[in-house]
PDB file of N, CA and C in Angstrom:
ATOM      1  N   UNK A   1       7.393  13.209  -3.312  1.00  0.00           N
ATOM      2  CA  UNK A   1       7.726  12.248  -2.452  1.00  0.00           C
ATOM      3  C   UNK A   1       8.962  11.674  -2.933  1.00  0.00           C
ATOM      4  N   UNK A   2       9.577  11.241  -2.320  1.00  0.00           N
ATOM      5  CA  UNK A   2      11.484  10.672  -2.412  1.00  0.00           C
ATOM      6  C   UNK A   2      11.095   9.301  -3.030  1.00  0.00           C
ATOM      7  N   UNK A   3      11.834   8.755  -3.740  1.00  0.00           N
ATOM      8  CA  UNK A   3      11.883   7.441  -3.939  1.00  0.00           C
ATOM      9  C   UNK A   3      12.704   6.576  -2.903  1.00  0.00           C
ATOM     10  N   UNK A   4      13.501   7.269  -1.979  1.00  0.00           N
ATOM     11  CA  UNK A   4      14.197   7.114  -0.897  1.00  0.00           C
ATOM     12  C   UNK A   4      13.564   6.779   0.452  1.00  0.00           C
ATOM     13  N   UNK A   5      12.368   7.321   0.177  1.00  0.00           N
ATOM     14  CA  UNK A   5      11.460   7.275   1.471  1.00  0.00           C
ATOM     15  C   UNK A   5      11.377   5.721   1.895  1.00  0.00           C
ATOM     16  N   UNK A   6      11.541   5.262   3.136  1.00  0.00           N
ATOM     17  CA  UNK A   6      11.115   3.869   3.437  1.00  0.00           C
ATOM     18  C   UNK A   6       9.902   3.245   2.726  1.00  0.00           C
ATOM     19  N   UNK A   7       8.879   3.976   2.835  1.00  0.00           N
ATOM     20  CA  UNK A   7       7.667   3.421   2.346  1.00  0.00           C
ATOM     21  C   UNK A   7       7.331   3.192   0.912  1.00  0.00           C
ATOM     22  N   UNK A   8       8.313   3.682  -0.017  1.00  0.00           N
ATOM     23  CA  UNK A   8       8.476   3.862  -1.401  1.00  0.00           C
ATOM     24  C   UNK A   8       8.362   2.332  -2.084  1.00  0.00           C
ATOM     25  N   UNK A   9       8.944   1.279  -1.404  1.00  0.00           N
ATOM     26  CA  UNK A   9       8.778   0.066  -1.852  1.00  0.00           C
ATOM     27  C   UNK A   9       7.512  -0.236  -1.946  1.00  0.00           C
ATOM     28  N   UNK A  10       6.794  -0.299  -1.228  1.00  0.00           N
ATOM     29  CA  UNK A  10       5.444  -0.491  -0.684  1.00  0.00           C
ATOM     30  C   UNK A  10       4.352   0.275  -1.712  1.00  0.00           C
ATOM     31  N   UNK A  11       4.700   1.510  -2.034  1.00  0.00           N
ATOM     32  CA  UNK A  11       4.083   2.535  -3.023  1.00  0.00           C
ATOM     33  C   UNK A  11       4.105   1.709  -4.453  1.00  0.00           C
ATOM     34  N   UNK A  12       5.550   1.297  -4.709  1.00  0.00           N
ATOM     35  CA  UNK A  12       5.651   0.872  -6.164  1.00  0.00           C
ATOM     36  C   UNK A  12       5.032  -0.233  -6.036  1.00  0.00           C
ATOM     37  N   UNK A  13       4.974  -1.306  -5.296  1.00  0.00           N
ATOM     38  CA  UNK A  13       3.905  -2.493  -5.066  1.00  0.00           C
ATOM     39  C   UNK A  13       2.647  -2.378  -5.672  1.00  0.00           C
ATOM     40  N   UNK A  14       2.078  -1.196  -5.347  1.00  0.00           N
ATOM     41  CA  UNK A  14       0.762  -0.967  -5.342  1.00  0.00           C
ATOM     42  C   UNK A  14       0.354  -0.324  -6.686  1.00  0.00           C
ATOM     43  N   UNK A  15       1.467  -0.023  -7.229  1.00  0.00           N
ATOM     44  CA  UNK A  15       1.274   0.800  -8.822  1.00  0.00           C
ATOM     45  C   UNK A  15       0.374   0.149  -9.657  1.00  0.00           C
ATOM     46  N   UNK A  16       0.576  -1.046  -9.749  1.00  0.00           N
ATOM     47  CA  UNK A  16      -0.305  -1.999 -10.762  1.00  0.00           C
ATOM     48  C   UNK A  16      -1.774  -2.032 -10.572  1.00  0.00           C
ATOM     49  N   UNK A  17      -2.165  -1.655  -9.363  1.00  0.00           N
ATOM     50  CA  UNK A  17      -3.653  -1.787  -9.132  1.00  0.00           C
ATOM     51  C   UNK A  17      -4.277  -0.276  -9.486  1.00  0.00           C
ATOM     52  N   UNK A  18      -3.554   0.713  -9.874  1.00  0.00           N
ATOM     53  CA  UNK A  18      -3.973   1.823 -10.422  1.00  0.00           C
ATOM     54  C   UNK A  18      -4.451   1.540 -11.551  1.00  0.00           C
ATOM     55  N   UNK A  19      -4.247   0.673 -12.642  1.00  0.00           N
ATOM     56  CA  UNK A  19      -4.780   0.274 -13.941  1.00  0.00           C
ATOM     57  C   UNK A  19      -6.105  -0.401 -13.429  1.00  0.00           C
ATOM     58  N   UNK A  20      -6.550  -1.175 -12.557  1.00  0.00           N
ATOM     59  CA  UNK A  20      -7.314  -1.790 -12.076  1.00  0.00           C
ATOM     60  C   UNK A  20      -8.561  -0.731 -11.885  1.00  0.00           C
ATOM     61  N   UNK A  21      -8.091   0.218 -10.860  1.00  0.00           N
ATOM     62  CA  UNK A  21      -8.814   1.653 -10.647  1.00  0.00           C
ATOM     63  C   UNK A  21      -9.262   2.323 -11.801  1.00  0.00           C
ATOM     64  N   UNK A  22      -8.326   2.671 -12.770  1.00  0.00           N
ATOM     65  CA  UNK A  22      -8.720   3.329 -13.917  1.00  0.00           C
ATOM     66  C   UNK A  22      -9.917   2.633 -15.179  1.00  0.00           C
ATOM     67  N   UNK A  23      -9.769   1.427 -14.891  1.00  0.00           N
ATOM     68  CA  UNK A  23     -10.900   0.491 -15.567  1.00  0.00           C
ATOM     69  C   UNK A  23     -12.071   0.533 -15.121  1.00  0.00           C
ATOM     70  N   UNK A  24     -12.171   0.578 -13.861  1.00  0.00           N
ATOM     71  CA  UNK A  24     -13.319   0.426 -13.261  1.00  0.00           C
ATOM     72  C   UNK A  24     -13.811   1.971 -13.345  1.00  0.00           C
ATOM     73  N   UNK A  25     -13.299   2.929 -12.993  1.00  0.00           N
ATOM     74  CA  UNK A  25     -13.622   4.119 -13.332  1.00  0.00           C
ATOM     75  C   UNK A  25     -13.801   5.101 -14.503  1.00  0.00           C
ATOM     76  N   UNK A  26     -13.234   4.253 -15.373  1.00  0.00           N
ATOM     77  CA  UNK A  26     -13.363   4.747 -16.850  1.00  0.00           C
ATOM     78  C   UNK A  26     -12.731   6.233 -16.879  1.00  0.00           C
ATOM     79  N   UNK A  27     -13.089   6.881 -18.366  1.00  0.00           N
ATOM     80  CA  UNK A  27     -12.518   7.779 -18.422  1.00  0.00           C
ATOM     81  C   UNK A  27     -13.017   8.980 -17.719  1.00  0.00           C
ATOM     82  N   UNK A  28     -14.495   9.240 -16.889  1.00  0.00           N
ATOM     83  CA  UNK A  28     -15.025  10.156 -16.376  1.00  0.00           C
ATOM     84  C   UNK A  28     -14.428   9.986 -15.133  1.00  0.00           C
ATOM     85  N   UNK A  29     -13.656   9.232 -14.452  1.00  0.00           N
ATOM     86  CA  UNK A  29     -13.424   9.132 -13.120  1.00  0.00           C
ATOM     87  C   UNK A  29     -14.177   8.804 -12.084  1.00  0.00           C
ATOM     88  N   UNK A  30     -15.941   8.827 -12.542  1.00  0.00           N
ATOM     89  CA  UNK A  30     -16.928   8.529 -11.647  1.00  0.00           C
ATOM     90  C   UNK A  30     -17.211   7.391 -11.279  1.00  0.00           C
ATOM     91  N   UNK A  31     -17.818   7.024 -10.166  1.00  0.00           N
ATOM     92  CA  UNK A  31     -18.382   5.672 -10.052  1.00  0.00           C
ATOM     93  C   UNK A  31     -19.169   5.174 -11.006  1.00  0.00           C
ATOM     94  N   UNK A  32     -19.202   4.238 -11.081  1.00  0.00           N
ATOM     95  CA  UNK A  32     -19.899   3.332 -12.529  1.00  0.00           C
ATOM     96  C   UNK A  32     -21.108   3.084 -11.963  1.00  0.00           C
ATOM     97  N   UNK A  33     -22.295   4.040 -11.750  1.00  0.00           N
ATOM     98  CA  UNK A  33     -23.714   3.922 -11.146  1.00  0.00           C
ATOM     99  C   UNK A  33     -24.528   2.848 -11.689  1.00  0.00           C
ATOM    100  N   UNK A  34     -23.983   2.730 -13.069  1.00  0.00           N
ATOM    101  CA  UNK A  34     -25.093   2.023 -14.189  1.00  0.00           C
ATOM    102  C   UNK A  34     -24.664   0.498 -13.535  1.00  0.00           C
ATOM    103  N   UNK A  35     -23.522   0.454 -13.357  1.00  0.00           N
ATOM    104  CA  UNK A  35     -23.179  -1.113 -13.092  1.00  0.00           C
ATOM    105  C   UNK A  35     -23.430  -1.383 -11.676  1.00  0.00           C
ATOM    106  N   UNK A  36     -23.014  -0.464 -10.660  1.00  0.00           N
ATOM    107  CA  UNK A  36     -23.512  -0.737  -9.369  1.00  0.00           C
ATOM    108  C   UNK A  36     -24.920  -1.140  -9.107  1.00  0.00           C
ATOM    109  N   UNK A  37     -25.801  -0.277 -10.082  1.00  0.00           N
ATOM    110  CA  UNK A  37     -27.342  -0.838  -9.772  1.00  0.00           C
ATOM    111  C   UNK A  37     -27.878  -1.904 -10.377  1.00  0.00           C
ATOM    112  N   UNK A  38     -27.107  -2.833 -10.396  1.00  0.00           N
ATOM    113  CA  UNK A  38     -27.150  -4.140 -10.453  1.00  0.00           C
ATOM    114  C   UNK A  38     -26.714  -5.008  -9.372  1.00  0.00           C
ATOM    115  N   UNK A  39     -26.286  -4.656  -8.350  1.00  0.00           N
ATOM    116  CA  UNK A  39     -25.669  -5.570  -7.151  1.00  0.00           C
ATOM    117  C   UNK A  39     -26.643  -5.285  -6.127  1.00  0.00           C
ATOM    118  N   UNK A  40     -27.099  -6.517  -6.049  1.00  0.00           N
ATOM    119  CA  UNK A  40     -28.462  -6.316  -4.996  1.00  0.00           C
ATOM    120  C   UNK A  40     -28.030  -6.919  -3.743  1.00  0.00           C
ATOM    121  N   UNK A  41     -26.774  -7.568  -3.232  1.00  0.00           N
ATOM    122  CA  UNK A  41     -26.308  -8.011  -1.900  1.00  0.00           C
ATOM    123  C   UNK A  41     -26.144  -6.360  -1.247  1.00  0.00           C
ATOM    124  N   UNK A  42     -26.518  -6.668   0.100  1.00  0.00           N
ATOM    125  CA  UNK A  42     -26.403  -5.562   0.956  1.00  0.00           C
ATOM    126  C   UNK A  42     -24.905  -4.893   1.135  1.00  0.00           C
ATOM    127  N   UNK A  43     -24.688  -3.653   1.124  1.00  0.00           N
ATOM    128  CA  UNK A  43     -23.102  -3.226   1.055  1.00  0.00           C
ATOM    129  C   UNK A  43     -23.410  -2.189   2.100  1.00  0.00           C
ATOM    130  N   UNK A  44     -22.003  -2.124   2.946  1.00  0.00           N
ATOM    131  CA  UNK A  44     -21.857  -1.194   4.011  1.00  0.00           C
ATOM    132  C   UNK A  44     -20.757  -0.230   3.235  1.00  0.00           C
ATOM    133  N   UNK A  45     -20.938   0.950   3.346  1.00  0.00           N
ATOM    134  CA  UNK A  45     -20.104   1.805   2.742  1.00  0.00           C
ATOM    135  C   UNK A  45     -19.634   2.841   3.777  1.00  0.00           C
ATOM    136  N   UNK A  46     -18.309   3.008   4.049  1.00  0.00           N
ATOM    137  CA  UNK A  46     -17.707   3.677   5.298  1.00  0.00           C
ATOM    138  C   UNK A  46     -16.765   4.751   4.874  1.00  0.00           C
ATOM    139  N   UNK A  47     -16.901   5.821   5.078  1.00  0.00           N
ATOM    140  CA  UNK A  47     -16.084   7.131   5.017  1.00  0.00           C
ATOM    141  C   UNK A  47     -15.700   7.475   6.535  1.00  0.00           C
ATOM    142  N   UNK A  48     -14.817   8.191   6.507  1.00  0.00           N
ATOM    143  CA  UNK A  48     -14.122   8.916   7.730  1.00  0.00           C
ATOM    144  C   UNK A  48     -14.570  10.314   7.965  1.00  0.00           C
ATOM    145  N   UNK A  49     -14.729  11.202   9.081  1.00  0.00           N
ATOM    146  CA  UNK A  49     -15.188  12.483   9.281  1.00  0.00           C
ATOM    147  C   UNK A  49     -14.445  13.348   8.888  1.00  0.00           C
ATOM    148  N   UNK A  50     -13.038  13.136   8.938  1.00  0.00           N
ATOM    149  CA  UNK A  50     -11.996  14.075   8.602  1.00  0.00           C
ATOM    150  C   UNK A  50     -10.873  13.770   7.393  1.00  0.00           C
ATOM    151  N   UNK A  51     -10.215  14.739   6.779  1.00  0.00           N
ATOM    152  CA  UNK A  51      -9.629  14.165   5.468  1.00  0.00           C
ATOM    153  C   UNK A  51      -8.415  13.490   6.047  1.00  0.00           C
ATOM    154  N   UNK A  52      -7.901  12.542   4.900  1.00  0.00           N
ATOM    155  CA  UNK A  52      -6.896  11.874   4.789  1.00  0.00           C
ATOM    156  C   UNK A  52      -5.712  12.755   4.834  1.00  0.00           C
ATOM    157  N   UNK A  53      -4.718  12.716   6.290  1.00  0.00           N
ATOM    158  CA  UNK A  53      -3.550  13.425   6.266  1.00  0.00           C
ATOM    159  C   UNK A  53      -2.356  13.239   5.035  1.00  0.00           C
ATOM    160  N   UNK A  54      -2.556  12.297   4.323  1.00  0.00           N
ATOM    161  CA  UNK A  54      -1.519  11.608   3.347  1.00  0.00           C
ATOM    162  C   UNK A  54      -2.146  12.139   1.962  1.00  0.00           C
ATOM    163  N   UNK A  55      -3.270  12.507   1.908  1.00  0.00           N
ATOM    164  CA  UNK A  55      -3.534  13.322   0.915  1.00  0.00           C
ATOM    165  C   UNK A  55      -4.260  14.514   1.037  1.00  0.00           C
ATOM    166  N   UNK A  56      -3.805  15.602   1.478  1.00  0.00           N
ATOM    167  CA  UNK A  56      -4.191  16.989   1.611  1.00  0.00           C
ATOM    168  C   UNK A  56      -4.554  17.620   0.569  1.00  0.00           C
ATOM    169  N   UNK A  57      -4.455  17.196  -0.596  1.00  0.00           N
ATOM    170  CA  UNK A  57      -5.001  17.924  -1.732  1.00  0.00           C
ATOM    171  C   UNK A  57      -6.649  17.679  -2.000  1.00  0.00           C
ATOM    172  N   UNK A  58      -6.828  16.322  -1.315  1.00  0.00           N
ATOM    173  CA  UNK A  58      -8.391  16.170  -1.501  1.00  0.00           C
ATOM    174  C   UNK A  58      -9.181  15.860   0.099  1.00  0.00           C
ATOM    175  N   UNK A  59      -9.823  16.875  -0.190  1.00  0.00           N
ATOM    176  CA  UNK A  59     -10.675  17.318   1.149  1.00  0.00           C
ATOM    177  C   UNK A  59     -11.495  16.050   1.906  1.00  0.00           C
ATOM    178  N   UNK A  60     -12.182  15.997   2.860  1.00  0.00           N
ATOM    179  CA  UNK A  60     -12.833  14.952   3.224  1.00  0.00           C
ATOM    180  C   UNK A  60     -14.353  15.028   2.360  1.00  0.00           C
ATOM    181  N   UNK A  61     -14.792  15.994   1.408  1.00  0.00           N
ATOM    182  CA  UNK A  61     -15.807  15.914   0.651  1.00  0.00           C
ATOM    183  C   UNK A  61     -15.541  15.400  -0.834  1.00  0.00           C
ATOM    184  N   UNK A  62     -14.335  15.007  -0.910  1.00  0.00           N
ATOM    185  CA  UNK A  62     -13.884  13.982  -2.008  1.00  0.00           C
ATOM    186  C   UNK A  62     -14.439  12.506  -1.875  1.00  0.00           C
ATOM    187  N   UNK A  63     -14.144  11.952  -0.392  1.00  0.00           N
ATOM    188  CA  UNK A  63     -14.302  10.952  -0.303  1.00  0.00           C
ATOM    189  C   UNK A  63     -16.022  10.812  -0.164  1.00  0.00           C
ATOM    190  N   UNK A  64     -16.503  11.772   0.466  1.00  0.00           N
ATOM    191  CA  UNK A  64     -18.002  11.730   0.757  1.00  0.00           C
ATOM    192  C   UNK A  64     -18.842  11.641  -0.454  1.00  0.00           C
ATOM    193  N   UNK A  65     -18.300  12.395  -1.328  1.00  0.00           N
ATOM    194  CA  UNK A  65     -18.931  12.619  -2.633  1.00  0.00           C
ATOM    195  C   UNK A  65     -19.193  11.191  -3.304  1.00  0.00           C
ATOM    196  N   UNK A  66     -17.993  10.736  -3.528  1.00  0.00           N
ATOM    197  CA  UNK A  66     -18.014   9.317  -4.153  1.00  0.00           C
ATOM    198  C   UNK A  66     -19.004   8.357  -3.280  1.00  0.00           C
ATOM    199  N   UNK A  67     -18.803   8.498  -2.076  1.00  0.00           N
ATOM    200  CA  UNK A  67     -19.634   7.533  -1.070  1.00  0.00           C
ATOM    201  C   UNK A  67     -21.026   7.627  -1.495  1.00  0.00           C
ATOM    202  N   UNK A  68     -21.400   8.886  -1.515  1.00  0.00           N
ATOM    203  CA  UNK A  68     -22.785   9.315  -1.578  1.00  0.00           C
ATOM    204  C   UNK A  68     -23.398   8.965  -3.152  1.00  0.00           C
ATOM    205  N   UNK A  69     -22.441   9.218  -3.961  1.00  0.00           N
ATOM    206  CA  UNK A  69     -22.800   8.550  -5.303  1.00  0.00           C
ATOM    207  C   UNK A  69     -22.999   7.228  -5.504  1.00  0.00           C
ATOM    208  N   UNK A  70     -21.875   6.519  -4.910  1.00  0.00           N
ATOM    209  CA  UNK A  70     -22.349   4.929  -4.569  1.00  0.00           C
ATOM    210  C   UNK A  70     -23.420   4.530  -3.843  1.00  0.00           C
ATOM    211  N   UNK A  71     -23.450   5.022  -2.983  1.00  0.00           N
ATOM    212  CA  UNK A  71     -24.561   4.597  -2.104  1.00  0.00           C
ATOM    213  C   UNK A  71     -25.909   4.771  -2.842  1.00  0.00           C
ATOM    214  N   UNK A  72     -26.179   5.983  -3.575  1.00  0.00           N
ATOM    215  CA  UNK A  72     -27.542   6.355  -4.320  1.00  0.00           C
ATOM    216  C   UNK A  72     -27.567   5.229  -5.368  1.00  0.00           C
ATOM    217  N   UNK A  73     -26.531   4.824  -6.110  1.00  0.00           N
ATOM    218  CA  UNK A  73     -26.585   3.639  -7.197  1.00  0.00           C
ATOM    219  C   UNK A  73     -27.018   2.506  -6.892  1.00  0.00           C
ATOM    220  N   UNK A  74     -26.200   2.110  -5.310  1.00  0.00           N
ATOM    221  CA  UNK A  74     -26.741   0.691  -4.997  1.00  0.00           C
ATOM    222  C   UNK A  74     -28.245   0.386  -4.136  1.00  0.00           C
ATOM    223  N   UNK A  75     -28.439  -0.592  -5.017  1.00  0.00           N
ATOM    224  CA  UNK A  75     -29.927  -0.668  -4.377  1.00  0.00           C
ATOM    225  C   UNK A  75     -30.301  -0.807  -2.875  1.00  0.00           C
ATOM    226  N   UNK A  76     -29.103  -1.767  -2.157  1.00  0.00           N
ATOM    227  CA  UNK A  76     -29.224  -1.740  -0.700  1.00  0.00           C
ATOM    228  C   UNK A  76     -28.176  -1.355   0.044  1.00  0.00           C
ATOM    229  N   UNK A  77     -27.710  -0.046  -0.130  1.00  0.00           N
ATOM    230  CA  UNK A  77     -26.839   0.455   0.313  1.00  0.00           C
ATOM    231  C   UNK A  77     -26.775   0.833   2.001  1.00  0.00           C
ATOM    232  N   UNK A  78     -25.638   1.017   2.896  1.00  0.00           N
ATOM    233  CA  UNK A  78     -26.138   1.334   4.260  1.00  0.00           C
ATOM    234  C   UNK A  78     -24.595   2.395   4.235  1.00  0.00           C
ATOM    235  N   UNK A  79     -24.720   3.500   4.626  1.00  0.00           N
ATOM    236  CA  UNK A  79     -23.448   4.477   4.480  1.00  0.00           C
ATOM    237  C   UNK A  79     -23.415   5.027   5.865  1.00  0.00           C
ATOM    238  N   UNK A  80     -22.146   4.971   6.477  1.00  0.00           N
ATOM    239  CA  UNK A  80     -21.642   5.027   7.558  1.00  0.00           C
ATOM    240  C   UNK A  80     -20.475   5.941   7.689  1.00  0.00           C
ATOM    241  N   UNK A  81     -20.500   6.952   8.438  1.00  0.00           N
ATOM    242  CA  UNK A  81     -19.225   7.778   8.675  1.00  0.00           C
ATOM    243  C   UNK A  81     -18.813   7.477  10.162  1.00  0.00           C
ATOM    244  N   UNK A  82     -17.330   7.082   9.838  1.00  0.00           N
ATOM    245  CA  UNK A  82     -16.665   6.646  11.213  1.00  0.00           C
ATOM    246  C   UNK A  82     -15.956   7.904  11.605  1.00  0.00           C
ATOM    247  N   UNK A  83     -16.190   8.271  13.228  1.00  0.00           N
ATOM    248  CA  UNK A  83     -15.285   9.548  13.520  1.00  0.00           C
ATOM    249  C   UNK A  83     -14.127   9.345  13.999  1.00  0.00           C
ATOM    250  N   UNK A  84     -12.992   9.282  13.177  1.00  0.00           N
ATOM    251  CA  UNK A  84     -11.742   8.605  13.245  1.00  0.00           C
ATOM    252  C   UNK A  84     -10.891   9.594  12.357  1.00  0.00           C
ATOM    253  N   UNK A  85      -9.660   9.768  12.848  1.00  0.00           N
ATOM    254  CA  UNK A  85      -8.423  10.322  11.983  1.00  0.00           C
ATOM    255  C   UNK A  85      -7.408   9.477  11.613  1.00  0.00           C
ATOM    256  N   UNK A  86      -6.595  10.014  10.590  1.00  0.00           N
ATOM    257  CA  UNK A  86      -5.552   9.095  10.100  1.00  0.00           C
ATOM    258  C   UNK A  86      -5.819   8.431   8.880  1.00  0.00           C
ATOM    259  N   UNK A  87      -4.723   7.972   8.740  1.00  0.00           N
ATOM    260  CA  UNK A  87      -4.562   7.080   7.252  1.00  0.00           C
ATOM    261  C   UNK A  87      -5.474   6.097   7.244  1.00  0.00           C
ATOM    262  N   UNK A  88      -4.896   5.265   7.785  1.00  0.00           N
ATOM    263  CA  UNK A  88      -5.673   3.790   7.834  1.00  0.00           C
ATOM    264  C   UNK A  88      -6.686   3.626   9.221  1.00  0.00           C
ATOM    265  N   UNK A  89      -7.961   3.775   9.059  1.00  0.00           N
ATOM    266  CA  UNK A  89      -8.930   3.545  10.229  1.00  0.00           C
ATOM    267  C   UNK A  89      -8.672   2.323  11.381  1.00  0.00           C
ATOM    268  N   UNK A  90      -8.385   2.885  12.443  1.00  0.00           N
ATOM    269  CA  UNK A  90      -8.027   1.631  13.681  1.00  0.00           C
ATOM    270  C   UNK A  90      -9.697   0.895  14.064  1.00  0.00           C
ATOM    271  N   UNK A  91      -9.065  -0.425  13.698  1.00  0.00           N
ATOM    272  CA  UNK A  91      -9.786  -1.618  13.982  1.00  0.00           C
ATOM    273  C   UNK A  91     -11.050  -1.182  14.976  1.00  0.00           C
ATOM    274  N   UNK A  92     -10.763  -0.772  16.048  1.00  0.00           N
ATOM    275  CA  UNK A  92     -11.490  -0.411  17.002  1.00  0.00           C
ATOM    276  C   UNK A  92     -12.494   0.745  16.912  1.00  0.00           C
ATOM    277  N   UNK A  93     -12.449   1.508  15.685  1.00  0.00           N
ATOM    278  CA  UNK A  93     -13.466   2.476  15.542  1.00  0.00           C
ATOM    279  C   UNK A  93     -14.299   1.898  14.400  1.00  0.00           C
ATOM    280  N   UNK A  94     -14.088   0.916  13.693  1.00  0.00           N
ATOM    281  CA  UNK A  94     -14.762   0.590  12.608  1.00  0.00           C
ATOM    282  C   UNK A  94     -15.415  -0.902  13.041  1.00  0.00           C
ATOM    283  N   UNK A  95     -14.711  -1.655  14.070  1.00  0.00           N
ATOM    284  CA  UNK A  95     -15.562  -2.645  14.352  1.00  0.00           C
ATOM    285  C   UNK A  95     -16.974  -2.698  14.738  1.00  0.00           C
ATOM    286  N   UNK A  96     -17.412  -1.594  15.739  1.00  0.00           N
ATOM    287  CA  UNK A  96     -18.947  -1.500  16.236  1.00  0.00           C
ATOM    288  C   UNK A  96     -19.665  -1.396  14.961  1.00  0.00           C
ATOM    289  N   UNK A  97     -19.029  -0.453  13.877  1.00  0.00           N
ATOM    290  CA  UNK A  97     -19.968  -0.112  12.888  1.00  0.00           C
ATOM    291  C   UNK A  97     -20.008  -1.388  11.778  1.00  0.00           C
ATOM    292  N   UNK A  98     -19.395  -2.142  11.728  1.00  0.00           N
ATOM    293  CA  UNK A  98     -19.218  -3.380  10.720  1.00  0.00           C
ATOM    294  C   UNK A  98     -20.082  -4.494  11.652  1.00  0.00           C
ATOM    295  N   UNK A  99     -20.395  -4.148  12.716  1.00  0.00           N
ATOM    296  CA  UNK A  99     -20.788  -5.728  13.649  1.00  0.00           C
ATOM    297  C   UNK A  99     -22.459  -5.097  13.860  1.00  0.00           C
ATOM    298  N   UNK A 100     -22.528  -3.949  14.121  1.00  0.00           N
ATOM    299  CA  UNK A 100     -23.805  -3.275  13.604  1.00  0.00           C
ATOM    300  C   UNK A 100     -24.362  -3.903  11.995  1.00  0.00           C
ATOM    301  N   UNK A 101     -23.706  -3.605  11.218  1.00  0.00           N
ATOM    302  CA  UNK A 101     -24.280  -3.839   9.781  1.00  0.00           C
ATOM    303  C   UNK A 101     -24.431  -5.296   9.669  1.00  0.00           C
ATOM    304  N   UNK A 102     -23.594  -6.080  10.450  1.00  0.00           N
ATOM    305  CA  UNK A 102     -23.702  -7.452  10.076  1.00  0.00           C
ATOM    306  C   UNK A 102     -24.814  -8.175  11.239  1.00  0.00           C
ATOM    307  N   UNK A 103     -25.459  -7.283  12.199  1.00  0.00           N
ATOM    308  CA  UNK A 103     -26.475  -7.937  13.423  1.00  0.00           C
ATOM    309  C   UNK A 103     -25.911  -8.253  14.409  1.00  0.00           C
ATOM    310  N   UNK A 104     -24.487  -7.897  14.600  1.00  0.00           N
ATOM    311  CA  UNK A 104     -23.817  -8.838  15.795  1.00  0.00           C
ATOM    312  C   UNK A 104     -23.429  -7.713  16.837  1.00  0.00           C
ATOM    313  N   UNK A 105     -22.890  -7.955  17.875  1.00  0.00           N
ATOM    314  CA  UNK A 105     -22.506  -6.898  18.607  1.00  0.00           C
ATOM    315  C   UNK A 105     -21.059  -6.985  19.076  1.00  0.00           C
ATOM    316  N   UNK A 106     -20.251  -5.962  19.225  1.00  0.00           N
ATOM    317  CA  UNK A 106     -18.852  -5.822  19.156  1.00  0.00           C
ATOM    318  C   UNK A 106     -18.576  -5.863  20.478  1.00  0.00           C
TER     319      UNK A 106
END
């Protein structure tokens, strides 16, 4: 990735958040299932059905495996897979899933 790319400044701005990611995941890189087990709020976990084209080294199963682990650890998790492609999911694909989770209609 070239530092002259138009999106480079946005990536640099996000870089400090990596420390937070590392702090949450710890040395193992696995979701902190023990901590997650104490969350009693209903949680909706969304993943998409296709790999992220911006992260070709990570297959779709990378995110699926993480979502499965988190869903198994959370006492009140609902997991949904959105049939969509692209790096950022379109709100039109996500809205019905979120609305259904919240008991509303989209």
